[in-house]
Amino acid sequence: MLIRLDPNSPDPLFVQLAAAVRGAVARGEVRAGERLPGARDLAASLGLNVHTVLRGYQQLRDEGLVELRRGRGAVVTDRAETGHAALHSAVAQAVAHAKRVGLSADDLVDLIRTEYR
């Protein structure tokens, strides 16, 4: 799992970290039951404070995507895969519907961006 953070982004680093993990789960790079890198190791490799990593992991825990276990670290839950699988399915349905009504990919992306805000 490759995690890239943008220090120039308006999003806090812990938010970017959580988003990177969510993306890795969605792409199938990380599966349910797998451990995420230890907070200290990840912080050192990214040049972050360990508390920044822990805050990102806590955000994922609060969303139900990981379990934080003493001695085992952060472990991806089954819910993470099913939630992203459902989202992937919804996106596929939206794309199919957009094609049926003649909407371009750019127009669909614009609609999604509008709704996302």
N, C-alpha and C. Protein backbone atom coordinates (compact mmCIF):
# COMPACT_ATOMS: atom_id res chain seq x y z
N MET A 1 0.85 -1.17 0.00
CA MET A 1 0.00 0.00 0.00
C MET A 1 0.89 1.23 0.00
N LEU A 2 0.71 2.05 -1.00
CA LEU A 2 1.48 3.28 -1.13
C LEU A 2 0.64 4.44 -0.64
N ILE A 3 1.19 5.20 0.29
CA ILE A 3 0.48 6.35 0.84
C ILE A 3 1.24 7.60 0.45
N ARG A 4 0.53 8.49 -0.22
CA ARG A 4 1.11 9.77 -0.61
C ARG A 4 0.30 10.88 0.03
N LEU A 5 1.00 11.81 0.63
CA LEU A 5 0.36 12.95 1.27
C LEU A 5 0.87 14.22 0.61
N ASP A 6 0.00 15.22 0.55
CA ASP A 6 0.35 16.50 -0.06
C ASP A 6 0.40 17.57 1.03
N PRO A 7 1.60 17.99 1.44
CA PRO A 7 1.69 18.99 2.50
C PRO A 7 1.09 20.35 2.11
N ASN A 8 0.87 20.57 0.82
CA ASN A 8 0.28 21.83 0.35
C ASN A 8 -1.25 21.77 0.26
N SER A 9 -1.81 20.60 0.51
CA SER A 9 -3.26 20.44 0.44
C SER A 9 -3.92 21.16 1.61
N PRO A 10 -5.12 21.68 1.39
CA PRO A 10 -5.85 22.29 2.51
C PRO A 10 -6.37 21.25 3.50
N ASP A 11 -6.40 19.97 3.10
CA ASP A 11 -6.85 18.91 4.00
C ASP A 11 -5.74 18.56 4.98
N PRO A 12 -6.09 18.39 6.26
CA PRO A 12 -5.09 18.00 7.25
C PRO A 12 -4.45 16.66 6.87
N LEU A 13 -3.23 16.45 7.31
CA LEU A 13 -2.50 15.23 6.97
C LEU A 13 -3.21 13.97 7.44
N PHE A 14 -3.82 14.01 8.63
CA PHE A 14 -4.52 12.82 9.12
C PHE A 14 -5.72 12.48 8.24
N VAL A 15 -6.38 13.49 7.69
CA VAL A 15 -7.51 13.26 6.78
C VAL A 15 -6.99 12.64 5.48
N GLN A 16 -5.88 13.14 4.97
CA GLN A 16 -5.28 12.58 3.76
C GLN A 16 -4.86 11.13 3.98
N LEU A 17 -4.30 10.85 5.15
CA LEU A 17 -3.88 9.49 5.48
C LEU A 17 -5.07 8.54 5.49
N ALA A 18 -6.15 8.95 6.15
CA ALA A 18 -7.36 8.12 6.21
C ALA A 18 -7.91 7.90 4.80
N ALA A 19 -7.90 8.93 3.97
CA ALA A 19 -8.40 8.80 2.60
C ALA A 19 -7.53 7.84 1.79
N ALA A 20 -6.22 7.87 2.01
CA ALA A 20 -5.31 6.97 1.30
C ALA A 20 -5.59 5.51 1.68
N VAL A 21 -5.87 5.27 2.95
CA VAL A 21 -6.19 3.90 3.38
C VAL A 21 -7.52 3.47 2.80
N ARG A 22 -8.53 4.36 2.82
CA ARG A 22 -9.82 4.04 2.22
C ARG A 22 -9.66 3.67 0.75
N GLY A 23 -8.84 4.45 0.05
CA GLY A 23 -8.60 4.19 -1.37
C GLY A 23 -7.92 2.84 -1.59
N ALA A 24 -6.98 2.49 -0.72
CA ALA A 24 -6.29 1.21 -0.84
C ALA A 24 -7.27 0.06 -0.64
N VAL A 25 -8.20 0.22 0.29
CA VAL A 25 -9.23 -0.81 0.51
C VAL A 25 -10.13 -0.90 -0.72
N ALA A 26 -10.53 0.25 -1.25
CA ALA A 26 -11.42 0.27 -2.41
C ALA A 26 -10.77 -0.38 -3.63
N ARG A 27 -9.46 -0.20 -3.78
CA ARG A 27 -8.74 -0.79 -4.92
C ARG A 27 -8.37 -2.25 -4.68
N GLY A 28 -8.66 -2.76 -3.48
CA GLY A 28 -8.34 -4.15 -3.18
C GLY A 28 -6.89 -4.39 -2.79
N GLU A 29 -6.15 -3.33 -2.53
CA GLU A 29 -4.76 -3.47 -2.11
C GLU A 29 -4.65 -3.96 -0.68
N VAL A 30 -5.69 -3.69 0.11
CA VAL A 30 -5.74 -4.11 1.51
C VAL A 30 -7.07 -4.82 1.71
N ARG A 31 -7.04 -5.96 2.33
CA ARG A 31 -8.25 -6.78 2.52
C ARG A 31 -8.63 -6.85 3.99
N ALA A 32 -9.86 -7.27 4.23
CA ALA A 32 -10.34 -7.47 5.60
C ALA A 32 -9.41 -8.44 6.32
N GLY A 33 -9.10 -8.10 7.57
CA GLY A 33 -8.24 -8.94 8.38
C GLY A 33 -6.77 -8.58 8.29
N GLU A 34 -6.40 -7.77 7.31
CA GLU A 34 -5.00 -7.38 7.17
C GLU A 34 -4.67 -6.24 8.13
N ARG A 35 -3.44 -6.28 8.60
CA ARG A 35 -2.95 -5.21 9.48
C ARG A 35 -2.41 -4.06 8.66
N LEU A 36 -2.68 -2.87 9.12
CA LEU A 36 -2.09 -1.67 8.54
C LEU A 36 -0.70 -1.50 9.16
N PRO A 37 0.16 -0.73 8.52
CA PRO A 37 1.49 -0.51 9.11
C PRO A 37 1.36 0.08 10.52
N GLY A 38 2.29 -0.28 11.38
CA GLY A 38 2.30 0.28 12.72
C GLY A 38 2.41 1.79 12.68
N ALA A 39 1.79 2.45 13.64
CA ALA A 39 1.75 3.91 13.66
C ALA A 39 3.15 4.51 13.69
N ARG A 40 4.03 3.96 14.51
CA ARG A 40 5.39 4.51 14.61
C ARG A 40 6.15 4.32 13.29
N ASP A 41 6.04 3.12 12.71
CA ASP A 41 6.74 2.85 11.46
C ASP A 41 6.21 3.74 10.33
N LEU A 42 4.89 3.87 10.25
CA LEU A 42 4.30 4.68 9.19
C LEU A 42 4.66 6.15 9.37
N ALA A 43 4.62 6.61 10.62
CA ALA A 43 4.98 8.01 10.89
C ALA A 43 6.42 8.28 10.46
N ALA A 44 7.31 7.35 10.79
CA ALA A 44 8.72 7.53 10.42
C ALA A 44 8.90 7.53 8.91
N SER A 45 8.20 6.63 8.21
CA SER A 45 8.37 6.56 6.76
C SER A 45 7.78 7.76 6.03
N LEU A 46 6.76 8.37 6.62
CA LEU A 46 6.12 9.53 5.98
C LEU A 46 6.64 10.87 6.53
N GLY A 47 7.46 10.81 7.55
CA GLY A 47 7.97 12.04 8.16
C GLY A 47 6.90 12.78 8.95
N LEU A 48 6.02 12.01 9.60
CA LEU A 48 4.92 12.59 10.37
C LEU A 48 5.11 12.34 11.85
N ASN A 49 4.38 13.07 12.63
CA ASN A 49 4.29 12.79 14.06
C ASN A 49 3.42 11.55 14.23
N VAL A 50 3.77 10.70 15.17
CA VAL A 50 3.00 9.46 15.38
C VAL A 50 1.54 9.78 15.74
N HIS A 51 1.31 10.90 16.40
CA HIS A 51 -0.07 11.27 16.76
C HIS A 51 -0.91 11.61 15.53
N THR A 52 -0.28 12.10 14.48
CA THR A 52 -1.00 12.37 13.23
C THR A 52 -1.49 11.06 12.63
N VAL A 53 -0.63 10.06 12.62
CA VAL A 53 -1.01 8.74 12.10
C VAL A 53 -2.12 8.14 12.96
N LEU A 54 -1.95 8.22 14.27
CA LEU A 54 -2.97 7.66 15.17
C LEU A 54 -4.31 8.36 14.99
N ARG A 55 -4.28 9.65 14.74
CA ARG A 55 -5.54 10.38 14.52
C ARG A 55 -6.22 9.92 13.23
N GLY A 56 -5.43 9.67 12.19
CA GLY A 56 -5.98 9.12 10.95
C GLY A 56 -6.57 7.74 11.17
N TYR A 57 -5.85 6.89 11.91
CA TYR A 57 -6.35 5.55 12.23
C TYR A 57 -7.62 5.63 13.09
N GLN A 58 -7.66 6.57 14.01
CA GLN A 58 -8.86 6.73 14.85
C GLN A 58 -10.06 7.16 14.02
N GLN A 59 -9.83 8.00 13.01
CA GLN A 59 -10.93 8.39 12.13
C GLN A 59 -11.48 7.16 11.41
N LEU A 60 -10.59 6.31 10.93
CA LEU A 60 -11.01 5.07 10.26
C LEU A 60 -11.73 4.15 11.24
N ARG A 61 -11.27 4.11 12.48
CA ARG A 61 -11.94 3.31 13.51
C ARG A 61 -13.35 3.84 13.75
N ASP A 62 -13.49 5.16 13.86
CA ASP A 62 -14.80 5.76 14.11
C ASP A 62 -15.78 5.48 12.96
N GLU A 63 -15.25 5.30 11.75
CA GLU A 63 -16.07 4.97 10.58
C GLU A 63 -16.35 3.46 10.50
N GLY A 64 -15.71 2.69 11.37
CA GLY A 64 -15.90 1.25 11.36
C GLY A 64 -15.07 0.51 10.32
N LEU A 65 -14.09 1.19 9.75
CA LEU A 65 -13.28 0.57 8.70
C LEU A 65 -12.09 -0.20 9.24
N VAL A 66 -11.61 0.16 10.43
CA VAL A 66 -10.53 -0.58 11.07
C VAL A 66 -10.86 -0.78 12.55
N GLU A 67 -10.26 -1.81 13.10
CA GLU A 67 -10.30 -2.03 14.55
C GLU A 67 -8.91 -1.74 15.06
N LEU A 68 -8.84 -1.01 16.16
CA LEU A 68 -7.55 -0.75 16.79
C LEU A 68 -7.42 -1.72 17.96
N ARG A 69 -6.43 -2.61 17.86
CA ARG A 69 -6.24 -3.64 18.87
C ARG A 69 -4.88 -3.46 19.52
N ARG A 70 -4.89 -3.43 20.84
CA ARG A 70 -3.64 -3.30 21.57
C ARG A 70 -2.76 -4.52 21.26
N GLY A 71 -1.55 -4.25 20.85
CA GLY A 71 -0.62 -5.32 20.53
C GLY A 71 -0.70 -5.81 19.10
N ARG A 72 -1.82 -5.56 18.43
CA ARG A 72 -1.98 -5.99 17.03
C ARG A 72 -2.03 -4.82 16.07
N GLY A 73 -2.31 -3.66 16.57
CA GLY A 73 -2.38 -2.47 15.73
C GLY A 73 -3.72 -2.31 15.07
N ALA A 74 -3.71 -1.68 13.91
CA ALA A 74 -4.93 -1.39 13.16
C ALA A 74 -5.18 -2.53 12.16
N VAL A 75 -6.38 -3.11 12.24
CA VAL A 75 -6.76 -4.23 11.39
C VAL A 75 -8.00 -3.84 10.60
N VAL A 76 -7.98 -4.08 9.29
CA VAL A 76 -9.10 -3.74 8.42
C VAL A 76 -10.28 -4.67 8.73
N THR A 77 -11.46 -4.09 8.86
CA THR A 77 -12.67 -4.86 9.18
C THR A 77 -13.36 -5.37 7.92
N ASP A 78 -14.25 -6.32 8.11
CA ASP A 78 -15.07 -6.82 7.00
C ASP A 78 -15.94 -5.70 6.43
N ARG A 79 -16.38 -4.82 7.31
CA ARG A 79 -17.25 -3.71 6.90
C ARG A 79 -16.58 -2.83 5.86
N ALA A 80 -15.27 -2.68 5.96
CA ALA A 80 -14.54 -1.83 5.01
C ALA A 80 -14.72 -2.36 3.60
N GLU A 81 -14.55 -3.67 3.42
CA GLU A 81 -14.68 -4.24 2.08
C GLU A 81 -16.12 -4.18 1.58
N THR A 82 -17.08 -4.51 2.42
CA THR A 82 -18.46 -4.52 1.96
C THR A 82 -18.94 -3.10 1.66
N GLY A 83 -18.52 -2.14 2.47
CA GLY A 83 -18.92 -0.75 2.23
C GLY A 83 -18.37 -0.23 0.91
N HIS A 84 -17.13 -0.53 0.64
CA HIS A 84 -16.53 -0.07 -0.61
C HIS A 84 -17.06 -0.86 -1.79
N ALA A 85 -17.37 -2.11 -1.58
CA ALA A 85 -17.96 -2.91 -2.66
C ALA A 85 -19.32 -2.32 -3.05
N ALA A 86 -20.09 -1.93 -2.04
CA ALA A 86 -21.40 -1.32 -2.30
C ALA A 86 -21.24 0.00 -3.04
N LEU A 87 -20.25 0.79 -2.65
CA LEU A 87 -20.00 2.06 -3.32
C LEU A 87 -19.57 1.82 -4.77
N HIS A 88 -18.71 0.85 -4.96
CA HIS A 88 -18.26 0.52 -6.32
C HIS A 88 -19.45 0.13 -7.19
N SER A 89 -20.35 -0.65 -6.64
CA SER A 89 -21.55 -1.07 -7.37
C SER A 89 -22.42 0.14 -7.71
N ALA A 90 -22.58 1.05 -6.75
CA ALA A 90 -23.40 2.24 -6.99
C ALA A 90 -22.78 3.11 -8.08
N VAL A 91 -21.47 3.22 -8.08
CA VAL A 91 -20.81 4.02 -9.11
C VAL A 91 -21.00 3.36 -10.48
N ALA A 92 -20.87 2.04 -10.53
CA ALA A 92 -21.07 1.34 -11.80
C ALA A 92 -22.48 1.56 -12.33
N GLN A 93 -23.45 1.54 -11.42
CA GLN A 93 -24.84 1.79 -11.83
C GLN A 93 -25.01 3.23 -12.31
N ALA A 94 -24.37 4.17 -11.63
CA ALA A 94 -24.47 5.57 -12.04
C ALA A 94 -23.85 5.78 -13.42
N VAL A 95 -22.72 5.14 -13.67
CA VAL A 95 -22.06 5.26 -14.97
C VAL A 95 -22.96 4.66 -16.07
N ALA A 96 -23.52 3.50 -15.81
CA ALA A 96 -24.40 2.87 -16.79
C ALA A 96 -25.61 3.75 -17.08
N HIS A 97 -26.19 4.34 -16.05
CA HIS A 97 -27.34 5.23 -16.22
C HIS A 97 -26.94 6.48 -17.02
N ALA A 98 -25.78 7.03 -16.69
CA ALA A 98 -25.31 8.22 -17.40
C ALA A 98 -25.13 7.93 -18.89
N LYS A 99 -24.60 6.76 -19.20
CA LYS A 99 -24.42 6.37 -20.61
C LYS A 99 -25.77 6.24 -21.31
N ARG A 100 -26.76 5.67 -20.61
CA ARG A 100 -28.09 5.49 -21.21
C ARG A 100 -28.74 6.82 -21.55
N VAL A 101 -28.50 7.83 -20.71
CA VAL A 101 -29.15 9.12 -20.96
C VAL A 101 -28.25 10.07 -21.76
N GLY A 102 -27.09 9.58 -22.20
CA GLY A 102 -26.22 10.37 -23.06
C GLY A 102 -25.34 11.37 -22.35
N LEU A 103 -25.08 11.17 -21.08
CA LEU A 103 -24.24 12.07 -20.30
C LEU A 103 -22.77 11.70 -20.52
N SER A 104 -21.93 12.69 -20.75
CA SER A 104 -20.50 12.41 -20.93
C SER A 104 -19.86 12.12 -19.57
N ALA A 105 -18.67 11.53 -19.62
CA ALA A 105 -17.93 11.24 -18.38
C ALA A 105 -17.63 12.53 -17.62
N ASP A 106 -17.26 13.58 -18.35
CA ASP A 106 -16.97 14.86 -17.70
C ASP A 106 -18.21 15.44 -17.01
N ASP A 107 -19.37 15.31 -17.67
CA ASP A 107 -20.61 15.80 -17.07
C ASP A 107 -20.96 15.01 -15.81
N LEU A 108 -20.73 13.69 -15.85
CA LEU A 108 -21.00 12.87 -14.67
C LEU A 108 -20.07 13.25 -13.53
N VAL A 109 -18.81 13.46 -13.83
CA VAL A 109 -17.85 13.88 -12.80
C VAL A 109 -18.27 15.22 -12.20
N ASP A 110 -18.72 16.15 -13.04
CA ASP A 110 -19.21 17.44 -12.54
C ASP A 110 -20.40 17.27 -11.60
N LEU A 111 -21.32 16.38 -11.97
CA LEU A 111 -22.46 16.10 -11.11
C LEU A 111 -22.03 15.53 -9.76
N ILE A 112 -21.09 14.62 -9.80
CA ILE A 112 -20.60 14.01 -8.56
C ILE A 112 -19.92 15.06 -7.70
N ARG A 113 -19.10 15.90 -8.31
CA ARG A 113 -18.44 16.96 -7.54
C ARG A 113 -19.45 17.91 -6.89
N THR A 114 -20.50 18.23 -7.63
CA THR A 114 -21.54 19.10 -7.09
C THR A 114 -22.22 18.45 -5.89
N GLU A 115 -22.55 17.19 -6.01
CA GLU A 115 -23.21 16.47 -4.92
C GLU A 115 -22.27 16.26 -3.73
N TYR A 116 -20.99 16.09 -4.00
CA TYR A 116 -20.02 15.82 -2.95
C TYR A 116 -19.86 17.01 -2.02
N ARG A 117 -20.05 18.19 -2.56
CA ARG A 117 -19.89 19.41 -1.75
C ARG A 117 -21.05 19.51 -0.85
